[in-house]
Amino acid sequence: KYTGTDPSNSTPPGGFSDGDSLDLGFGSTNVTYSASQEVCDNLLGYDTVTVNGGVTATVCNLNATSGTGFWNVSATNIIIAGTINANYKGYTGGNGQGTGGVSYGTSNLFDINIGSGGHTVYTAGGNGSGSVTLNATNTLFINGTLNLNGAVGVTSTQAGSGGGSGGGALLEGSTVNISFSTISANGGDGGSCGGCSNPNSEGNGAGYGGTGGTGASGGGGGGA
């Protein structure tokens, strides 16, 4: 079992594979991220999970086989003083649940979606964002930053591609304090069409990311 306080220094012989769920049962131990690093493994059943101030925990790129592109944390207490960055970690251009101008997702707030890639015309659309779930049985406290934004589309002389969708975030706790946090889940703007006869030929967005609102004109949808 993983029993250390820093996941970067306490992996067992052979290590963990990306996308593993490290399930220790509630109250087993604490995990503190004291240095910026990628987070590819879900953390389930810990006592307290902390991302220190000045530290960035970057969600790994989407890989359907290994189960990355999202970060799920379940613990008694979760404290985010630093940054969780899922920008552009979702579906690549032209891939995902959404297509240009078509929304997806449900009204169920517990359905969390990874952001779809922007509509691809002649060039690939922008990447969608990854997703984050933070589930605390006691206290969830965020005075840091959650970034879940889609990438902008690519400018082309033929037709600009669509921006990626923002990703979804589920924040749960018996007590939730996000008053001092910065949380963004925006769709990327559509790419412009440099040299086109139609100056308004921007790429179509990827639709909605989760249940959020639409992004900028020609851009991907915002996450939930």
Protein backbone atom coordinates (compact mmCIF):
# COMPACT_ATOMS: atom_id res chain seq x y z
CA LYS A 1 0.00 0.00 0.00
CA TYR A 2 0.99 3.59 -0.57
CA THR A 3 1.70 5.07 2.86
CA GLY A 4 3.83 8.17 2.15
CA THR A 5 2.93 11.82 2.26
CA ASP A 6 4.27 12.73 -1.19
CA PRO A 7 3.14 10.61 -4.17
CA SER A 8 6.22 11.63 -6.18
CA ASN A 9 8.59 9.98 -3.70
CA SER A 10 6.67 7.04 -2.31
CA THR A 11 5.59 4.78 -5.17
CA PRO A 12 6.08 1.03 -4.60
CA PRO A 13 8.54 -1.13 -6.58
CA GLY A 14 7.40 -1.09 -10.19
CA GLY A 15 5.39 2.09 -9.62
CA PHE A 16 1.79 2.77 -10.54
CA SER A 17 0.42 2.86 -14.08
CA ASP A 18 -1.23 6.04 -15.33
CA GLY A 19 -4.92 6.10 -14.48
CA ASP A 20 -4.64 3.78 -11.46
CA SER A 21 -7.00 4.38 -8.54
CA LEU A 22 -5.16 4.31 -5.23
CA ASP A 23 -7.83 3.18 -2.78
CA LEU A 24 -6.71 2.99 0.85
CA GLY A 25 -9.99 3.27 2.70
CA PHE A 26 -11.00 6.49 4.42
CA GLY A 27 -8.75 7.74 7.20
CA SER A 28 -5.69 5.81 6.01
CA THR A 29 -3.18 8.61 5.40
CA ASN A 30 -2.53 12.12 4.16
CA VAL A 31 -1.24 13.18 0.76
CA THR A 32 0.48 16.54 0.27
CA TYR A 33 1.63 17.88 -3.09
CA SER A 34 4.57 20.12 -2.22
CA ALA A 35 6.08 20.34 -5.72
CA SER A 36 4.47 20.88 -9.12
CA GLN A 37 3.86 17.62 -11.01
CA GLU A 38 1.48 15.70 -13.25
CA VAL A 39 -1.38 13.85 -11.54
CA CYS A 40 -2.35 10.74 -13.48
CA ASP A 41 -3.73 8.57 -10.67
CA ASN A 42 -7.06 8.94 -8.91
CA LEU A 43 -6.84 9.26 -5.11
CA LEU A 44 -9.60 7.46 -3.24
CA GLY A 45 -10.15 7.04 0.49
CA TYR A 46 -7.49 9.31 1.97
CA ASP A 47 -7.72 11.36 5.15
CA THR A 48 -6.51 14.75 3.87
CA VAL A 49 -5.32 15.63 0.35
CA THR A 50 -3.56 18.99 0.01
CA VAL A 51 -2.16 20.90 -2.95
CA ASN A 52 0.14 23.50 -1.38
CA GLY A 53 0.18 27.14 -2.39
CA GLY A 54 2.46 27.85 -5.34
CA VAL A 55 2.18 24.23 -6.53
CA THR A 56 0.51 23.16 -9.79
CA ALA A 57 -1.03 19.70 -10.12
CA THR A 58 -1.42 19.14 -13.88
CA VAL A 59 -3.94 16.57 -15.08
CA CYS A 60 -2.44 14.09 -17.56
CA ASN A 61 -3.50 14.17 -21.23
CA LEU A 62 -6.58 12.16 -22.13
CA ASN A 63 -5.86 8.49 -22.78
CA ALA A 64 -8.95 6.30 -22.94
CA THR A 65 -6.91 3.12 -22.43
CA SER A 66 -5.17 4.20 -19.23
CA GLY A 67 -8.09 6.30 -17.98
CA THR A 68 -6.39 9.69 -17.80
CA GLY A 69 -7.67 13.12 -18.82
CA PHE A 70 -9.47 13.52 -15.51
CA TRP A 71 -8.50 13.61 -11.83
CA ASN A 72 -10.82 12.16 -9.20
CA VAL A 73 -10.04 12.74 -5.52
CA SER A 74 -12.09 11.35 -2.61
CA ALA A 75 -10.95 12.11 0.93
CA THR A 76 -12.20 13.21 4.32
CA ASN A 77 -10.73 16.69 3.75
CA ILE A 78 -9.42 18.30 0.55
CA ILE A 79 -7.44 21.55 0.60
CA ILE A 80 -6.47 23.25 -2.68
CA ALA A 81 -4.22 26.23 -2.00
CA GLY A 82 -2.31 25.90 -5.28
CA THR A 83 -3.51 25.20 -8.81
CA ILE A 84 -5.16 22.23 -10.50
CA ASN A 85 -4.58 22.60 -14.23
CA ALA A 86 -6.68 20.59 -16.69
CA ASN A 87 -6.40 23.05 -19.60
CA TYR A 88 -6.36 21.35 -23.02
CA LYS A 89 -6.14 17.84 -21.43
CA GLY A 90 -9.37 16.53 -22.97
CA TYR A 91 -10.28 15.30 -26.44
CA THR A 92 -8.20 16.44 -29.39
CA GLY A 93 -9.65 18.40 -32.32
CA GLY A 94 -12.56 16.65 -34.04
CA ASN A 95 -12.96 14.08 -31.25
CA GLY A 96 -15.25 13.68 -28.27
CA GLN A 97 -18.97 13.77 -27.58
CA GLY A 98 -19.73 17.10 -29.19
CA THR A 99 -19.64 18.21 -32.79
CA GLY A 100 -19.60 21.74 -34.17
CA GLY A 101 -22.58 23.68 -32.86
CA VAL A 102 -24.19 20.67 -31.12
CA SER A 103 -24.59 20.58 -27.34
CA TYR A 104 -24.15 17.51 -25.15
CA GLY A 105 -24.37 16.59 -21.51
CA THR A 106 -27.36 16.23 -19.19
CA SER A 107 -29.15 18.25 -16.53
CA ASN A 108 -27.77 15.84 -13.91
CA LEU A 109 -25.02 17.83 -12.20
CA PHE A 110 -23.23 14.60 -11.25
CA ASP A 111 -22.55 13.77 -14.92
CA ILE A 112 -19.09 15.23 -15.47
CA ASN A 113 -17.74 15.42 -19.01
CA ILE A 114 -14.29 15.82 -20.45
CA GLY A 115 -14.20 18.66 -22.96
CA SER A 116 -14.61 17.75 -26.64
CA GLY A 117 -12.14 18.90 -29.28
CA GLY A 118 -13.12 21.75 -31.56
CA HIS A 119 -14.62 21.17 -34.99
CA THR A 120 -11.97 20.29 -37.56
CA VAL A 121 -12.28 21.78 -41.04
CA TYR A 122 -8.93 21.98 -42.83
CA THR A 123 -6.93 22.16 -39.62
CA ALA A 124 -7.43 20.39 -36.30
CA GLY A 125 -9.66 22.07 -33.76
CA GLY A 126 -8.45 23.07 -30.33
CA ASN A 127 -8.20 20.47 -27.57
CA GLY A 128 -10.96 20.23 -24.99
CA SER A 129 -10.22 20.42 -21.28
CA GLY A 130 -9.86 17.56 -18.85
CA SER A 131 -12.23 17.19 -15.88
CA VAL A 132 -11.83 17.22 -12.10
CA THR A 133 -13.88 15.66 -9.29
CA LEU A 134 -13.15 16.64 -5.67
CA ASN A 135 -15.31 14.75 -3.16
CA ALA A 136 -14.75 15.44 0.54
CA THR A 137 -16.83 13.67 3.18
CA ASN A 138 -16.00 16.49 5.58
CA THR A 139 -14.47 19.75 4.28
CA LEU A 140 -13.55 20.91 0.77
CA PHE A 141 -11.60 24.17 0.94
CA ILE A 142 -10.30 25.88 -2.20
CA ASN A 143 -8.47 29.19 -2.04
CA GLY A 144 -6.39 28.37 -5.11
CA THR A 145 -7.18 27.97 -8.80
CA LEU A 146 -8.97 25.38 -10.96
CA ASN A 147 -8.29 25.71 -14.70
CA LEU A 148 -10.55 23.70 -17.03
CA ASN A 149 -10.37 25.63 -20.30
CA GLY A 150 -10.49 24.52 -23.92
CA ALA A 151 -7.82 25.55 -26.42
CA VAL A 152 -8.41 28.11 -29.16
CA GLY A 153 -8.97 26.95 -32.73
CA VAL A 154 -6.28 27.21 -35.40
CA THR A 155 -6.17 30.09 -37.87
CA SER A 156 -6.18 28.93 -41.49
CA THR A 157 -6.26 30.54 -44.94
CA GLN A 158 -9.15 28.20 -45.82
CA ALA A 159 -11.34 28.03 -42.72
CA GLY A 160 -10.53 28.45 -39.05
CA SER A 161 -11.09 25.42 -36.82
CA GLY A 162 -13.29 25.37 -33.73
CA GLY A 163 -12.19 25.96 -30.17
CA GLY A 164 -12.22 23.11 -27.66
CA SER A 165 -14.89 22.76 -24.97
CA GLY A 166 -14.28 23.57 -21.35
CA GLY A 167 -14.20 20.61 -18.97
CA GLY A 168 -16.49 19.66 -16.13
CA ALA A 169 -15.81 19.96 -12.40
CA LEU A 170 -17.71 18.31 -9.55
CA LEU A 171 -17.03 19.84 -6.12
CA GLU A 172 -18.64 18.05 -3.17
CA GLY A 173 -18.31 18.20 0.60
CA SER A 174 -20.25 18.34 3.84
CA THR A 175 -18.73 21.83 4.08
CA VAL A 176 -17.61 23.53 0.86
CA ASN A 177 -15.70 26.82 0.94
CA ILE A 178 -14.63 28.16 -2.46
CA SER A 179 -15.14 31.83 -1.66
CA PHE A 180 -11.50 32.73 -2.31
CA SER A 181 -10.97 30.47 -5.32
CA THR A 182 -10.61 31.16 -9.03
CA ILE A 183 -12.40 28.60 -11.20
CA SER A 184 -12.59 28.84 -14.99
CA ALA A 185 -14.10 26.40 -17.49
CA ASN A 186 -14.31 28.32 -20.75
CA GLY A 187 -14.49 27.16 -24.33
CA GLY A 188 -11.69 28.26 -26.64
CA ASP A 189 -12.38 30.86 -29.32
CA GLY A 190 -12.73 29.66 -32.88
CA GLY A 191 -9.75 30.19 -35.16
CA SER A 192 -9.93 33.02 -37.66
CA CYS A 193 -9.75 32.60 -41.41
CA GLY A 194 -6.71 34.53 -42.56
CA GLY A 195 -7.01 35.55 -46.21
CA CYS A 196 -10.53 34.18 -46.65
CA SER A 197 -13.03 36.04 -48.80
CA ASN A 198 -15.52 35.70 -45.94
CA PRO A 199 -14.05 37.52 -42.92
CA ASN A 200 -16.61 35.86 -40.62
CA SER A 201 -15.55 32.31 -41.46
CA GLU A 202 -14.53 31.20 -38.01
CA GLY A 203 -14.48 27.62 -36.87
CA ASN A 204 -17.48 26.04 -35.21
CA GLY A 205 -17.14 25.19 -31.54
CA ALA A 206 -17.39 21.72 -30.09
CA GLY A 207 -20.69 22.41 -28.35
CA TYR A 208 -21.11 22.39 -24.59
CA GLY A 209 -18.63 20.97 -22.10
CA GLY A 210 -20.80 19.32 -19.47
CA THR A 211 -23.81 21.51 -18.77
CA GLY A 212 -22.13 24.91 -19.00
CA GLY A 213 -22.93 27.81 -21.25
CA THR A 214 -21.58 28.43 -24.71
CA GLY A 215 -18.19 29.98 -25.33
CA ALA A 216 -17.30 32.98 -27.46
CA SER A 217 -18.48 33.30 -31.05
CA GLY A 218 -17.13 30.34 -32.98
CA GLY A 219 -15.69 28.86 -29.79
CA GLY A 220 -16.21 25.73 -27.77
CA GLY A 221 -18.73 25.43 -24.97
CA GLY A 222 -17.93 26.21 -21.37
CA GLY A 223 -17.66 23.44 -18.81
CA ALA A 224 -19.94 22.88 -15.85
